[in-house]
Each structure stands twice: as C-alpha cells, then as structure tokens.
Amino acid sequence: MPRGSSPKRERQYEHIRESARDRGESPERAKEIAARTVNKERARSGESKEASRTSVQDKSSGERGGQRSHSGSQGPTYDQLYEEAKRRNVHGRSDMNKQQLKRALGK
C-alpha cells in the first residue's frame, strides 16, 4: 500500500488479498489483485495524484463484481482490450474494432 494510505484502504486491501487467496490465487497474484482494486478505488474517489481514464470512467470494482473477468456479459470493454493491446504492443490496434482486438489478443 502507498505511504499515507487510510486505515479503510488498508482493511480493504487485506480483505481483497485474503479473498483472492481463498479462491486459490497465488500470494503474488492475490497481492496484485488487491493493489489494483484498491488503487482503482482510490483514483475514483480522488485520493490519488494520478488516475488513468479507465480507472475513473469504467465501472467501479464493486459494481463490476467479476462481470468481465472471464467472459461474463460481453467480456472486456473495447477500452480494456485496447489498453491490453497497447501494453502488448499490438501493431495496427488503433484501426481495430472490438472483435479484431479480441482476435489479436487471443481472447
């Protein structure tokens, strides 16, 4: 957790980390899930200095409730696919639609 985190965010982090461990995630993956979730909530509530567009405009972690984690609803959003394609350095991603991004990412 970042320095100066509130006790509420510390409790939230621990709860999410333990929950992920209970679901069978590795300790490292559980920490990552918890950190990303808490950081997103901090960004949405204005507690962090920087926030990505998807952190602020996307559904909140609680609202999403795992909807997009596998292929629930319609799977990940276009913005989420695009960000993943950007991280993986997929060429031509700016000209791709959602289906093409899915295919390029192997989803």
N, C-alpha and C. Protein backbone atom coordinates (compact mmCIF):
# COMPACT_ATOMS: atom_id res chain seq x y z
N MET A 1 0.84 -1.19 0.00
CA MET A 1 0.00 0.00 0.00
C MET A 1 0.88 1.25 0.00
N PRO A 2 0.42 2.31 -0.68
CA PRO A 2 1.19 3.54 -0.68
C PRO A 2 1.31 4.13 0.72
N ARG A 3 2.38 4.89 0.93
CA ARG A 3 2.55 5.55 2.20
C ARG A 3 1.39 6.52 2.43
N GLY A 4 0.89 6.59 3.64
CA GLY A 4 -0.19 7.51 3.94
C GLY A 4 -1.57 6.98 3.59
N SER A 5 -1.67 5.69 3.29
CA SER A 5 -2.98 5.12 2.98
C SER A 5 -3.87 5.15 4.22
N SER A 6 -5.13 5.31 4.00
CA SER A 6 -6.06 5.37 5.13
C SER A 6 -6.26 3.97 5.70
N PRO A 7 -6.65 3.89 6.95
CA PRO A 7 -6.93 2.58 7.55
C PRO A 7 -8.01 1.82 6.78
N LYS A 8 -8.97 2.56 6.22
CA LYS A 8 -10.03 1.92 5.44
C LYS A 8 -9.43 1.21 4.23
N ARG A 9 -8.53 1.86 3.52
CA ARG A 9 -7.91 1.25 2.34
C ARG A 9 -7.01 0.08 2.73
N GLU A 10 -6.37 0.17 3.88
CA GLU A 10 -5.56 -0.95 4.37
C GLU A 10 -6.44 -2.17 4.63
N ARG A 11 -7.59 -1.95 5.29
CA ARG A 11 -8.52 -3.06 5.56
C ARG A 11 -9.06 -3.63 4.25
N GLN A 12 -9.38 -2.73 3.32
CA GLN A 12 -9.92 -3.16 2.03
C GLN A 12 -8.88 -4.02 1.30
N TYR A 13 -7.62 -3.60 1.31
CA TYR A 13 -6.54 -4.35 0.67
C TYR A 13 -6.43 -5.74 1.27
N GLU A 14 -6.39 -5.82 2.60
CA GLU A 14 -6.25 -7.11 3.28
C GLU A 14 -7.44 -8.02 2.97
N HIS A 15 -8.64 -7.46 2.98
CA HIS A 15 -9.83 -8.26 2.71
C HIS A 15 -9.79 -8.83 1.29
N ILE A 16 -9.44 -8.02 0.32
CA ILE A 16 -9.39 -8.47 -1.08
C ILE A 16 -8.29 -9.50 -1.27
N ARG A 17 -7.12 -9.25 -0.64
CA ARG A 17 -6.00 -10.18 -0.77
C ARG A 17 -6.37 -11.54 -0.18
N GLU A 18 -6.97 -11.54 0.99
CA GLU A 18 -7.37 -12.80 1.63
C GLU A 18 -8.44 -13.52 0.81
N SER A 19 -9.36 -12.76 0.27
CA SER A 19 -10.42 -13.34 -0.55
C SER A 19 -9.84 -14.01 -1.79
N ALA A 20 -8.87 -13.36 -2.41
CA ALA A 20 -8.23 -13.93 -3.60
C ALA A 20 -7.46 -15.21 -3.23
N ARG A 21 -6.80 -15.19 -2.08
CA ARG A 21 -6.09 -16.40 -1.63
C ARG A 21 -7.07 -17.54 -1.38
N ASP A 22 -8.24 -17.22 -0.81
CA ASP A 22 -9.26 -18.23 -0.56
C ASP A 22 -9.78 -18.85 -1.86
N ARG A 23 -9.75 -18.07 -2.94
CA ARG A 23 -10.19 -18.56 -4.25
C ARG A 23 -9.10 -19.37 -4.95
N GLY A 24 -7.91 -19.45 -4.32
CA GLY A 24 -6.85 -20.27 -4.89
C GLY A 24 -5.79 -19.51 -5.66
N GLU A 25 -5.79 -18.19 -5.60
CA GLU A 25 -4.77 -17.41 -6.29
C GLU A 25 -3.45 -17.54 -5.54
N SER A 26 -2.35 -17.39 -6.26
CA SER A 26 -1.04 -17.42 -5.62
C SER A 26 -0.88 -16.17 -4.76
N PRO A 27 0.04 -16.18 -3.79
CA PRO A 27 0.22 -14.98 -2.95
C PRO A 27 0.56 -13.73 -3.77
N GLU A 28 1.40 -13.90 -4.79
CA GLU A 28 1.79 -12.75 -5.62
C GLU A 28 0.60 -12.22 -6.40
N ARG A 29 -0.19 -13.11 -6.98
CA ARG A 29 -1.36 -12.69 -7.77
C ARG A 29 -2.41 -12.06 -6.86
N ALA A 30 -2.58 -12.59 -5.65
CA ALA A 30 -3.54 -12.04 -4.70
C ALA A 30 -3.15 -10.61 -4.33
N LYS A 31 -1.86 -10.37 -4.12
CA LYS A 31 -1.38 -9.02 -3.81
C LYS A 31 -1.65 -8.07 -4.97
N GLU A 32 -1.40 -8.56 -6.18
CA GLU A 32 -1.61 -7.73 -7.37
C GLU A 32 -3.08 -7.35 -7.52
N ILE A 33 -3.96 -8.33 -7.37
CA ILE A 33 -5.40 -8.08 -7.49
C ILE A 33 -5.84 -7.05 -6.46
N ALA A 34 -5.39 -7.23 -5.22
CA ALA A 34 -5.77 -6.32 -4.15
C ALA A 34 -5.25 -4.91 -4.41
N ALA A 35 -3.99 -4.81 -4.81
CA ALA A 35 -3.40 -3.50 -5.05
C ALA A 35 -4.10 -2.78 -6.20
N ARG A 36 -4.37 -3.49 -7.28
CA ARG A 36 -5.04 -2.86 -8.42
C ARG A 36 -6.44 -2.40 -8.05
N THR A 37 -7.16 -3.22 -7.31
CA THR A 37 -8.52 -2.87 -6.92
C THR A 37 -8.54 -1.65 -6.01
N VAL A 38 -7.68 -1.65 -5.01
CA VAL A 38 -7.64 -0.53 -4.07
C VAL A 38 -7.16 0.74 -4.78
N ASN A 39 -6.17 0.63 -5.65
CA ASN A 39 -5.69 1.80 -6.37
C ASN A 39 -6.78 2.38 -7.27
N LYS A 40 -7.58 1.51 -7.88
CA LYS A 40 -8.67 1.99 -8.73
C LYS A 40 -9.69 2.73 -7.88
N GLU A 41 -10.03 2.18 -6.72
CA GLU A 41 -10.99 2.85 -5.84
C GLU A 41 -10.44 4.18 -5.34
N ARG A 42 -9.15 4.23 -5.04
CA ARG A 42 -8.53 5.49 -4.62
C ARG A 42 -8.61 6.53 -5.73
N ALA A 43 -8.37 6.11 -6.97
CA ALA A 43 -8.43 7.03 -8.12
C ALA A 43 -9.86 7.53 -8.32
N ARG A 44 -10.82 6.65 -8.20
CA ARG A 44 -12.22 7.03 -8.42
C ARG A 44 -12.70 8.02 -7.36
N SER A 45 -12.17 7.92 -6.15
CA SER A 45 -12.62 8.81 -5.09
C SER A 45 -11.73 10.05 -4.94
N GLY A 46 -10.73 10.20 -5.82
CA GLY A 46 -9.88 11.39 -5.80
C GLY A 46 -8.78 11.36 -4.77
N GLU A 47 -8.43 10.18 -4.26
CA GLU A 47 -7.40 10.07 -3.23
C GLU A 47 -6.00 9.93 -3.81
N SER A 48 -5.88 9.70 -5.12
CA SER A 48 -4.56 9.52 -5.72
C SER A 48 -4.20 10.72 -6.57
N LYS A 49 -2.90 10.92 -6.77
CA LYS A 49 -2.43 12.06 -7.56
C LYS A 49 -2.72 11.88 -9.04
N GLU A 50 -2.57 10.65 -9.53
CA GLU A 50 -2.78 10.35 -10.94
C GLU A 50 -3.83 9.26 -11.08
N ALA A 51 -4.58 9.32 -12.19
CA ALA A 51 -5.59 8.30 -12.44
C ALA A 51 -5.74 8.11 -13.95
N SER A 52 -5.78 6.85 -14.38
CA SER A 52 -5.98 6.58 -15.80
C SER A 52 -7.45 6.81 -16.16
N ARG A 53 -7.70 7.00 -17.43
CA ARG A 53 -9.07 7.23 -17.90
C ARG A 53 -9.96 6.04 -17.56
N THR A 54 -9.45 4.82 -17.75
CA THR A 54 -10.28 3.65 -17.47
C THR A 54 -10.55 3.48 -15.97
N SER A 55 -9.64 3.93 -15.12
CA SER A 55 -9.88 3.84 -13.68
C SER A 55 -11.04 4.71 -13.25
N VAL A 56 -11.15 5.87 -13.87
CA VAL A 56 -12.17 6.83 -13.46
C VAL A 56 -13.49 6.61 -14.18
N GLN A 57 -13.45 6.26 -15.48
CA GLN A 57 -14.68 6.18 -16.26
C GLN A 57 -15.29 4.78 -16.31
N ASP A 58 -14.51 3.75 -16.07
CA ASP A 58 -15.02 2.39 -16.13
C ASP A 58 -15.90 2.12 -14.92
N LYS A 59 -16.60 0.99 -14.94
CA LYS A 59 -17.42 0.61 -13.78
C LYS A 59 -16.52 0.45 -12.57
N SER A 60 -17.07 0.71 -11.39
CA SER A 60 -16.30 0.51 -10.18
C SER A 60 -16.09 -0.99 -9.97
N SER A 61 -15.09 -1.31 -9.19
CA SER A 61 -14.78 -2.73 -8.93
C SER A 61 -15.96 -3.44 -8.29
N GLY A 62 -16.61 -2.79 -7.35
CA GLY A 62 -17.76 -3.40 -6.68
C GLY A 62 -18.94 -3.58 -7.62
N GLU A 63 -19.16 -2.60 -8.48
CA GLU A 63 -20.28 -2.68 -9.43
C GLU A 63 -20.03 -3.78 -10.45
N ARG A 64 -18.80 -3.89 -10.88
CA ARG A 64 -18.46 -4.87 -11.91
C ARG A 64 -18.61 -6.28 -11.38
N GLY A 65 -18.13 -6.50 -10.16
CA GLY A 65 -18.31 -7.78 -9.49
C GLY A 65 -17.90 -8.99 -10.30
N GLY A 66 -16.84 -8.89 -11.07
CA GLY A 66 -16.35 -10.03 -11.85
C GLY A 66 -17.06 -10.21 -13.17
N GLN A 67 -17.93 -9.29 -13.56
CA GLN A 67 -18.66 -9.41 -14.81
C GLN A 67 -17.76 -9.67 -16.00
N ARG A 68 -16.65 -8.95 -16.04
CA ARG A 68 -15.80 -9.03 -17.22
C ARG A 68 -14.55 -9.88 -17.00
N SER A 69 -14.43 -10.50 -15.86
CA SER A 69 -13.20 -11.20 -15.55
C SER A 69 -12.97 -12.43 -16.41
N HIS A 70 -14.02 -13.10 -16.82
CA HIS A 70 -13.85 -14.25 -17.69
C HIS A 70 -14.47 -13.94 -19.04
N SER A 71 -15.73 -14.09 -19.16
CA SER A 71 -16.40 -13.65 -20.38
C SER A 71 -17.86 -13.37 -20.08
N GLY A 72 -18.12 -13.00 -18.82
CA GLY A 72 -19.47 -12.65 -18.44
C GLY A 72 -19.95 -11.45 -19.23
N SER A 73 -21.23 -11.26 -19.30
CA SER A 73 -21.84 -10.18 -20.06
C SER A 73 -21.30 -10.25 -21.48
N GLN A 74 -20.55 -9.26 -21.90
CA GLN A 74 -19.97 -9.29 -23.25
C GLN A 74 -18.46 -9.29 -23.19
N GLY A 75 -17.90 -9.71 -22.08
CA GLY A 75 -16.46 -9.73 -21.94
C GLY A 75 -15.90 -8.35 -21.67
N PRO A 76 -14.59 -8.19 -21.86
CA PRO A 76 -13.97 -6.89 -21.58
C PRO A 76 -14.46 -5.81 -22.55
N THR A 77 -14.39 -4.58 -22.12
CA THR A 77 -14.81 -3.47 -22.98
C THR A 77 -13.76 -3.21 -24.05
N TYR A 78 -14.14 -2.42 -25.03
CA TYR A 78 -13.19 -2.03 -26.08
C TYR A 78 -11.98 -1.33 -25.46
N ASP A 79 -12.23 -0.40 -24.53
CA ASP A 79 -11.13 0.33 -23.90
C ASP A 79 -10.18 -0.60 -23.16
N GLN A 80 -10.73 -1.61 -22.48
CA GLN A 80 -9.87 -2.55 -21.76
C GLN A 80 -9.05 -3.37 -22.74
N LEU A 81 -9.67 -3.81 -23.83
CA LEU A 81 -8.93 -4.57 -24.86
C LEU A 81 -7.85 -3.71 -25.49
N TYR A 82 -8.20 -2.45 -25.78
CA TYR A 82 -7.24 -1.55 -26.40
C TYR A 82 -6.04 -1.32 -25.49
N GLU A 83 -6.29 -1.11 -24.19
CA GLU A 83 -5.19 -0.90 -23.24
C GLU A 83 -4.28 -2.13 -23.17
N GLU A 84 -4.88 -3.31 -23.20
CA GLU A 84 -4.08 -4.54 -23.17
C GLU A 84 -3.26 -4.67 -24.45
N ALA A 85 -3.87 -4.34 -25.59
CA ALA A 85 -3.16 -4.37 -26.87
C ALA A 85 -2.01 -3.38 -26.86
N LYS A 86 -2.23 -2.24 -26.24
CA LYS A 86 -1.18 -1.22 -26.14
C LYS A 86 -0.02 -1.76 -25.30
N ARG A 87 -0.36 -2.40 -24.16
CA ARG A 87 0.69 -2.98 -23.30
C ARG A 87 1.48 -4.05 -24.05
N ARG A 88 0.79 -4.84 -24.88
CA ARG A 88 1.45 -5.93 -25.61
C ARG A 88 2.07 -5.45 -26.93
N ASN A 89 1.90 -4.15 -27.21
CA ASN A 89 2.47 -3.55 -28.42
C ASN A 89 1.94 -4.20 -29.70
N VAL A 90 0.62 -4.39 -29.77
CA VAL A 90 -0.03 -4.96 -30.95
C VAL A 90 -0.08 -3.87 -32.03
N HIS A 91 0.49 -4.17 -33.19
CA HIS A 91 0.54 -3.20 -34.27
C HIS A 91 -0.82 -3.11 -34.96
N GLY A 92 -1.21 -1.89 -35.33
CA GLY A 92 -2.47 -1.67 -36.01
C GLY A 92 -3.67 -1.61 -35.09
N ARG A 93 -3.45 -1.55 -33.77
CA ARG A 93 -4.54 -1.61 -32.81
C ARG A 93 -5.50 -0.43 -32.94
N SER A 94 -5.01 0.72 -33.36
CA SER A 94 -5.89 1.90 -33.43
C SER A 94 -6.93 1.77 -34.54
N ASP A 95 -6.67 0.91 -35.52
CA ASP A 95 -7.63 0.70 -36.61
C ASP A 95 -8.56 -0.48 -36.35
N MET A 96 -8.37 -1.18 -35.23
CA MET A 96 -9.14 -2.39 -34.96
C MET A 96 -10.43 -2.09 -34.20
N ASN A 97 -11.47 -2.90 -34.46
CA ASN A 97 -12.68 -2.83 -33.66
C ASN A 97 -12.57 -3.84 -32.52
N LYS A 98 -13.60 -3.97 -31.72
CA LYS A 98 -13.56 -4.84 -30.55
C LYS A 98 -13.26 -6.29 -30.92
N GLN A 99 -13.94 -6.82 -31.93
CA GLN A 99 -13.73 -8.21 -32.34
C GLN A 99 -12.30 -8.43 -32.82
N GLN A 100 -11.79 -7.49 -33.59
CA GLN A 100 -10.42 -7.63 -34.10
C GLN A 100 -9.41 -7.58 -32.95
N LEU A 101 -9.65 -6.71 -31.98
CA LEU A 101 -8.76 -6.66 -30.82
C LEU A 101 -8.79 -7.97 -30.05
N LYS A 102 -10.00 -8.53 -29.87
CA LYS A 102 -10.12 -9.84 -29.20
C LYS A 102 -9.29 -10.90 -29.92
N ARG A 103 -9.44 -10.93 -31.24
CA ARG A 103 -8.71 -11.92 -32.04
C ARG A 103 -7.20 -11.72 -31.92
N ALA A 104 -6.75 -10.46 -32.01
CA ALA A 104 -5.32 -10.15 -31.93
C ALA A 104 -4.75 -10.53 -30.57
N LEU A 105 -5.57 -10.44 -29.53
CA LEU A 105 -5.12 -10.77 -28.19
C LEU A 105 -5.34 -12.23 -27.82
N GLY A 106 -5.98 -12.96 -28.72
CA GLY A 106 -6.23 -14.38 -28.47
C GLY A 106 -7.32 -14.64 -27.46
N LYS A 107 -8.36 -13.80 -27.47
CA LYS A 107 -9.46 -13.96 -26.49
C LYS A 107 -10.69 -14.49 -27.17
